[in-house]
Amino acid sequence: MSRRFRGESHHKVDTKGRVSIPASFRRVLEAGDPNWKSGETPELVIVYGDHRRNYLECYTMQAIDEVDDKIDAMPRGSKERKMLQRLFHGQSFPTSVDETGRLVLPAKLRQKIDLEAEAFFIAAGDTFQIWKPETYDTVERAKEEEWLDELPDDFDPLVYLDRAREE
């Protein structure tokens, strides 16, 4: 099992689109890049997706290879394969971390999610997401609160792990 991204943080974005990646995230990117060597910078793939996606999802090379293998296993010419190829191959941006631990986000990606002076990073297991902080607060936190409000006060989310084992 590969290392997982964990945590969340806010980072400044400069006028050239440079933003520091949390140090712990950089260690996971290094571990998830089979070509990475000490003293070099790890590669990653940023999937920006279609107009409905309002965040950037960053994949280690290992994680994107797993996605690619699953796409390749689908029937050639199927609508599903074509759509997933468009999303993960066409609507993505391969890049690397620079020598100072930053990502350079092109203007196209910053404009897509309306990213300006600050970025919000949040771990998502084998990926991490980059959001405009205000969008995350209004969209994702609202979904989380809605879900939590439907649960009893003494609810323990670990129960979902036991269900996953049963399936």
C-alpha atoms as a PDB file:
ATOM      1  CA  MET A   1       0.000   0.000   0.000  1.00  0.00           C
ATOM      2  CA  SER A   2       1.292   3.431  -0.887  1.00  0.00           C
ATOM      3  CA  ARG A   3       1.508   6.389   1.451  1.00  0.00           C
ATOM      4  CA  ARG A   4      -1.592   8.556   1.759  1.00  0.00           C
ATOM      5  CA  PHE A   5      -2.053  12.297   1.773  1.00  0.00           C
ATOM      6  CA  ARG A   6      -3.325  13.589   5.109  1.00  0.00           C
ATOM      7  CA  GLY A   7      -4.357  17.001   6.388  1.00  0.00           C
ATOM      8  CA  GLU A   8      -5.368  20.377   5.042  1.00  0.00           C
ATOM      9  CA  SER A   9      -3.720  23.777   4.790  1.00  0.00           C
ATOM     10  CA  HIS A  10      -3.863  27.230   3.220  1.00  0.00           C
ATOM     11  CA  HIS A  11      -1.042  28.597   1.057  1.00  0.00           C
ATOM     12  CA  LYS A  12      -0.415  31.889  -0.717  1.00  0.00           C
ATOM     13  CA  VAL A  13      -0.476  31.962  -4.518  1.00  0.00           C
ATOM     14  CA  ASP A  14       1.806  34.511  -6.154  1.00  0.00           C
ATOM     15  CA  THR A  15       1.067  36.429  -9.358  1.00  0.00           C
ATOM     16  CA  LYS A  16       2.937  33.822 -11.450  1.00  0.00           C
ATOM     17  CA  GLY A  17       0.748  31.027 -10.065  1.00  0.00           C
ATOM     18  CA  ARG A  18       3.389  29.557  -7.774  1.00  0.00           C
ATOM     19  CA  VAL A  19       2.083  27.919  -4.616  1.00  0.00           C
ATOM     20  CA  SER A  20       3.939  25.910  -1.973  1.00  0.00           C
ATOM     21  CA  ILE A  21       2.825  22.328  -1.514  1.00  0.00           C
ATOM     22  CA  PRO A  22       2.527  21.157   2.106  1.00  0.00           C
ATOM     23  CA  ALA A  23       5.790  19.390   3.052  1.00  0.00           C
ATOM     24  CA  SER A  24       4.000  16.169   4.031  1.00  0.00           C
ATOM     25  CA  PHE A  25       2.282  16.132   0.617  1.00  0.00           C
ATOM     26  CA  ARG A  26       5.680  16.441  -1.087  1.00  0.00           C
ATOM     27  CA  ARG A  27       6.890  13.303   0.733  1.00  0.00           C
ATOM     28  CA  VAL A  28       3.873  11.365  -0.591  1.00  0.00           C
ATOM     29  CA  LEU A  29       4.493  12.687  -4.123  1.00  0.00           C
ATOM     30  CA  GLU A  30       8.104  11.494  -3.888  1.00  0.00           C
ATOM     31  CA  ALA A  31       7.054   8.049  -2.639  1.00  0.00           C
ATOM     32  CA  GLY A  32       4.433   7.817  -5.402  1.00  0.00           C
ATOM     33  CA  ASP A  33       6.825   8.649  -8.247  1.00  0.00           C
ATOM     34  CA  PRO A  34       8.729   5.526  -9.350  1.00  0.00           C
ATOM     35  CA  ASN A  35      11.281   7.689 -11.214  1.00  0.00           C
ATOM     36  CA  TRP A  36      11.995  10.017  -8.282  1.00  0.00           C
ATOM     37  CA  LYS A  37      15.495  10.033  -6.765  1.00  0.00           C
ATOM     38  CA  SER A  38      16.818  12.028  -3.824  1.00  0.00           C
ATOM     39  CA  GLY A  39      17.781  15.517  -4.937  1.00  0.00           C
ATOM     40  CA  GLU A  40      15.239  15.519  -7.769  1.00  0.00           C
ATOM     41  CA  THR A  41      11.681  16.827  -7.898  1.00  0.00           C
ATOM     42  CA  PRO A  42       8.678  14.485  -8.087  1.00  0.00           C
ATOM     43  CA  GLU A  43       6.190  14.464 -10.941  1.00  0.00           C
ATOM     44  CA  LEU A  44       2.409  14.502 -10.596  1.00  0.00           C
ATOM     45  CA  VAL A  45      -0.702  14.910 -12.729  1.00  0.00           C
ATOM     46  CA  ILE A  46      -3.319  17.582 -12.062  1.00  0.00           C
ATOM     47  CA  VAL A  47      -6.786  16.614 -13.315  1.00  0.00           C
ATOM     48  CA  TYR A  48      -8.916  19.724 -13.778  1.00  0.00           C
ATOM     49  CA  GLY A  49     -11.928  18.130 -15.460  1.00  0.00           C
ATOM     50  CA  ASP A  50     -14.967  19.652 -17.061  1.00  0.00           C
ATOM     51  CA  HIS A  51     -16.996  22.746 -16.202  1.00  0.00           C
ATOM     52  CA  ARG A  52     -18.700  21.040 -13.239  1.00  0.00           C
ATOM     53  CA  ARG A  53     -15.463  20.468 -11.335  1.00  0.00           C
ATOM     54  CA  ASN A  54     -14.509  23.493  -9.223  1.00  0.00           C
ATOM     55  CA  TYR A  55     -11.223  22.171  -7.820  1.00  0.00           C
ATOM     56  CA  LEU A  56      -7.980  20.646  -9.058  1.00  0.00           C
ATOM     57  CA  GLU A  57      -7.232  17.024  -8.174  1.00  0.00           C
ATOM     58  CA  CYS A  58      -3.569  16.090  -7.922  1.00  0.00           C
ATOM     59  CA  TYR A  59      -2.450  12.494  -8.481  1.00  0.00           C
ATOM     60  CA  THR A  60       0.871  10.866  -7.713  1.00  0.00           C
ATOM     61  CA  MET A  61       2.367   9.072 -10.708  1.00  0.00           C
ATOM     62  CA  GLN A  62       1.527   5.760  -9.057  1.00  0.00           C
ATOM     63  CA  ALA A  63      -2.123   6.774  -8.496  1.00  0.00           C
ATOM     64  CA  ILE A  64      -2.592   8.041 -12.066  1.00  0.00           C
ATOM     65  CA  ASP A  65      -0.991   4.842 -13.413  1.00  0.00           C
ATOM     66  CA  GLU A  66      -3.615   2.839 -11.497  1.00  0.00           C
ATOM     67  CA  VAL A  67      -6.368   4.959 -13.067  1.00  0.00           C
ATOM     68  CA  ASP A  68      -4.800   4.530 -16.521  1.00  0.00           C
ATOM     69  CA  ASP A  69      -4.634   0.738 -16.059  1.00  0.00           C
ATOM     70  CA  LYS A  70      -8.342   0.637 -15.224  1.00  0.00           C
ATOM     71  CA  ILE A  71      -9.189   2.794 -18.245  1.00  0.00           C
ATOM     72  CA  ASP A  72      -7.046   0.560 -20.483  1.00  0.00           C
ATOM     73  CA  ALA A  73      -8.957  -2.500 -19.243  1.00  0.00           C
ATOM     74  CA  MET A  74     -12.266  -1.067 -20.491  1.00  0.00           C
ATOM     75  CA  PRO A  75     -13.599  -2.040 -23.925  1.00  0.00           C
ATOM     76  CA  ARG A  76     -11.919   0.002 -26.646  1.00  0.00           C
ATOM     77  CA  GLY A  77     -14.417   2.355 -28.264  1.00  0.00           C
ATOM     78  CA  SER A  78     -16.884   2.240 -25.364  1.00  0.00           C
ATOM     79  CA  LYS A  79     -18.459   5.531 -24.374  1.00  0.00           C
ATOM     80  CA  GLU A  80     -17.278   5.105 -20.794  1.00  0.00           C
ATOM     81  CA  ARG A  81     -13.655   4.574 -21.863  1.00  0.00           C
ATOM     82  CA  LYS A  82     -13.783   7.592 -24.181  1.00  0.00           C
ATOM     83  CA  MET A  83     -15.215   9.801 -21.437  1.00  0.00           C
ATOM     84  CA  LEU A  84     -12.667   8.667 -18.853  1.00  0.00           C
ATOM     85  CA  GLN A  85      -9.834   9.143 -21.361  1.00  0.00           C
ATOM     86  CA  ARG A  86     -11.068  12.668 -22.009  1.00  0.00           C
ATOM     87  CA  LEU A  87     -11.234  13.418 -18.283  1.00  0.00           C
ATOM     88  CA  PHE A  88      -7.983  11.800 -17.149  1.00  0.00           C
ATOM     89  CA  HIS A  89      -5.865  12.253 -20.284  1.00  0.00           C
ATOM     90  CA  GLY A  90      -7.293  15.311 -22.042  1.00  0.00           C
ATOM     91  CA  GLN A  91      -8.427  17.411 -19.084  1.00  0.00           C
ATOM     92  CA  SER A  92      -5.231  17.010 -17.120  1.00  0.00           C
ATOM     93  CA  PHE A  93      -1.882  18.685 -16.739  1.00  0.00           C
ATOM     94  CA  PRO A  94       1.322  16.697 -16.104  1.00  0.00           C
ATOM     95  CA  THR A  95       3.811  18.703 -14.059  1.00  0.00           C
ATOM     96  CA  SER A  96       6.441  18.464 -11.361  1.00  0.00           C
ATOM     97  CA  VAL A  97       7.212  20.117  -8.067  1.00  0.00           C
ATOM     98  CA  ASP A  98       9.889  22.797  -8.477  1.00  0.00           C
ATOM     99  CA  GLU A  99      13.159  22.763  -6.528  1.00  0.00           C
ATOM    100  CA  THR A 100      11.653  24.993  -3.806  1.00  0.00           C
ATOM    101  CA  GLY A 101       8.641  22.711  -3.171  1.00  0.00           C
ATOM    102  CA  ARG A 102       6.134  24.693  -5.197  1.00  0.00           C
ATOM    103  CA  LEU A 103       3.704  24.002  -7.990  1.00  0.00           C
ATOM    104  CA  VAL A 104       3.366  26.435 -10.843  1.00  0.00           C
ATOM    105  CA  LEU A 105      -0.322  26.502 -11.742  1.00  0.00           C
ATOM    106  CA  PRO A 106      -0.922  27.795 -15.282  1.00  0.00           C
ATOM    107  CA  ALA A 107      -3.354  30.685 -15.710  1.00  0.00           C
ATOM    108  CA  LYS A 108      -5.870  28.324 -17.373  1.00  0.00           C
ATOM    109  CA  LEU A 109      -6.093  26.175 -14.226  1.00  0.00           C
ATOM    110  CA  ARG A 110      -6.212  29.160 -11.869  1.00  0.00           C
ATOM    111  CA  GLN A 111      -8.981  30.761 -13.932  1.00  0.00           C
ATOM    112  CA  LYS A 112     -10.957  27.515 -14.050  1.00  0.00           C
ATOM    113  CA  ILE A 113     -11.344  27.447 -10.266  1.00  0.00           C
ATOM    114  CA  ASP A 114     -11.140  31.242  -9.798  1.00  0.00           C
ATOM    115  CA  LEU A 115      -7.947  30.890  -7.753  1.00  0.00           C
ATOM    116  CA  GLU A 116      -6.331  34.164  -6.765  1.00  0.00           C
ATOM    117  CA  ALA A 117      -4.229  34.982  -3.711  1.00  0.00           C
ATOM    118  CA  GLU A 118      -4.725  31.846  -1.611  1.00  0.00           C
ATOM    119  CA  ALA A 119      -5.197  28.118  -2.203  1.00  0.00           C
ATOM    120  CA  PHE A 120      -6.738  25.536   0.098  1.00  0.00           C
ATOM    121  CA  PHE A 121      -5.140  22.072  -0.001  1.00  0.00           C
ATOM    122  CA  ILE A 122      -7.012  19.061   1.351  1.00  0.00           C
ATOM    123  CA  ALA A 123      -5.972  15.426   1.378  1.00  0.00           C
ATOM    124  CA  ALA A 124      -8.175  12.837  -0.306  1.00  0.00           C
ATOM    125  CA  GLY A 125      -6.328   9.569   0.306  1.00  0.00           C
ATOM    126  CA  ASP A 126      -4.203   8.818  -2.749  1.00  0.00           C
ATOM    127  CA  THR A 127      -4.865  12.288  -4.197  1.00  0.00           C
ATOM    128  CA  PHE A 128      -5.099  15.816  -2.894  1.00  0.00           C
ATOM    129  CA  GLN A 129      -7.290  18.676  -3.999  1.00  0.00           C
ATOM    130  CA  ILE A 130      -6.608  22.361  -4.503  1.00  0.00           C
ATOM    131  CA  TRP A 131      -9.567  24.696  -3.993  1.00  0.00           C
ATOM    132  CA  LYS A 132     -10.272  28.379  -3.825  1.00  0.00           C
ATOM    133  CA  PRO A 133     -10.829  28.618  -0.047  1.00  0.00           C
ATOM    134  CA  GLU A 134     -14.194  30.389  -0.331  1.00  0.00           C
ATOM    135  CA  THR A 135     -15.511  27.781  -2.788  1.00  0.00           C
ATOM    136  CA  TYR A 136     -14.492  24.946  -0.500  1.00  0.00           C
ATOM    137  CA  ASP A 137     -16.164  26.614   2.460  1.00  0.00           C
ATOM    138  CA  THR A 138     -19.454  27.248   0.661  1.00  0.00           C
ATOM    139  CA  VAL A 139     -19.663  24.045  -1.403  1.00  0.00           C
ATOM    140  CA  GLU A 140     -17.865  21.184   0.335  1.00  0.00           C
ATOM    141  CA  ARG A 141     -18.251  22.200   3.958  1.00  0.00           C
ATOM    142  CA  ALA A 142     -21.981  22.697   3.347  1.00  0.00           C
ATOM    143  CA  LYS A 143     -22.252  19.129   1.962  1.00  0.00           C
ATOM    144  CA  GLU A 144     -20.331  17.795   4.943  1.00  0.00           C
ATOM    145  CA  GLU A 145     -22.536  19.672   7.417  1.00  0.00           C
ATOM    146  CA  GLU A 146     -25.695  18.478   5.664  1.00  0.00           C
ATOM    147  CA  TRP A 147     -24.503  14.865   5.843  1.00  0.00           C
ATOM    148  CA  LEU A 148     -23.512  15.175   9.512  1.00  0.00           C
ATOM    149  CA  ASP A 149     -26.844  16.815  10.405  1.00  0.00           C
ATOM    150  CA  GLU A 150     -28.668  13.712   9.119  1.00  0.00           C
ATOM    151  CA  LEU A 151     -26.754  11.439  11.513  1.00  0.00           C
ATOM    152  CA  PRO A 152     -27.465  10.846  15.199  1.00  0.00           C
ATOM    153  CA  ASP A 153     -25.281  12.793  17.651  1.00  0.00           C
ATOM    154  CA  ASP A 154     -23.585   9.593  18.847  1.00  0.00           C
ATOM    155  CA  PHE A 155     -22.826   8.324  15.311  1.00  0.00           C
ATOM    156  CA  ASP A 156     -19.387   6.749  14.861  1.00  0.00           C
ATOM    157  CA  PRO A 157     -18.130   6.921  11.249  1.00  0.00           C
ATOM    158  CA  LEU A 158     -15.962   3.843  11.829  1.00  0.00           C
ATOM    159  CA  VAL A 159     -19.117   1.781  11.297  1.00  0.00           C
ATOM    160  CA  TYR A 160     -18.673   2.396   7.559  1.00  0.00           C
ATOM    161  CA  LEU A 161     -15.319   0.596   7.653  1.00  0.00           C
ATOM    162  CA  ASP A 162     -16.963  -2.511   9.047  1.00  0.00           C
ATOM    163  CA  ARG A 163     -19.586  -2.389   6.274  1.00  0.00           C
ATOM    164  CA  ALA A 164     -16.868  -2.176   3.599  1.00  0.00           C
ATOM    165  CA  ARG A 165     -15.333  -5.396   4.916  1.00  0.00           C
ATOM    166  CA  GLU A 166     -18.685  -7.199   4.740  1.00  0.00           C
ATOM    167  CA  GLU A 167     -19.228  -6.397   1.051  1.00  0.00           C
END
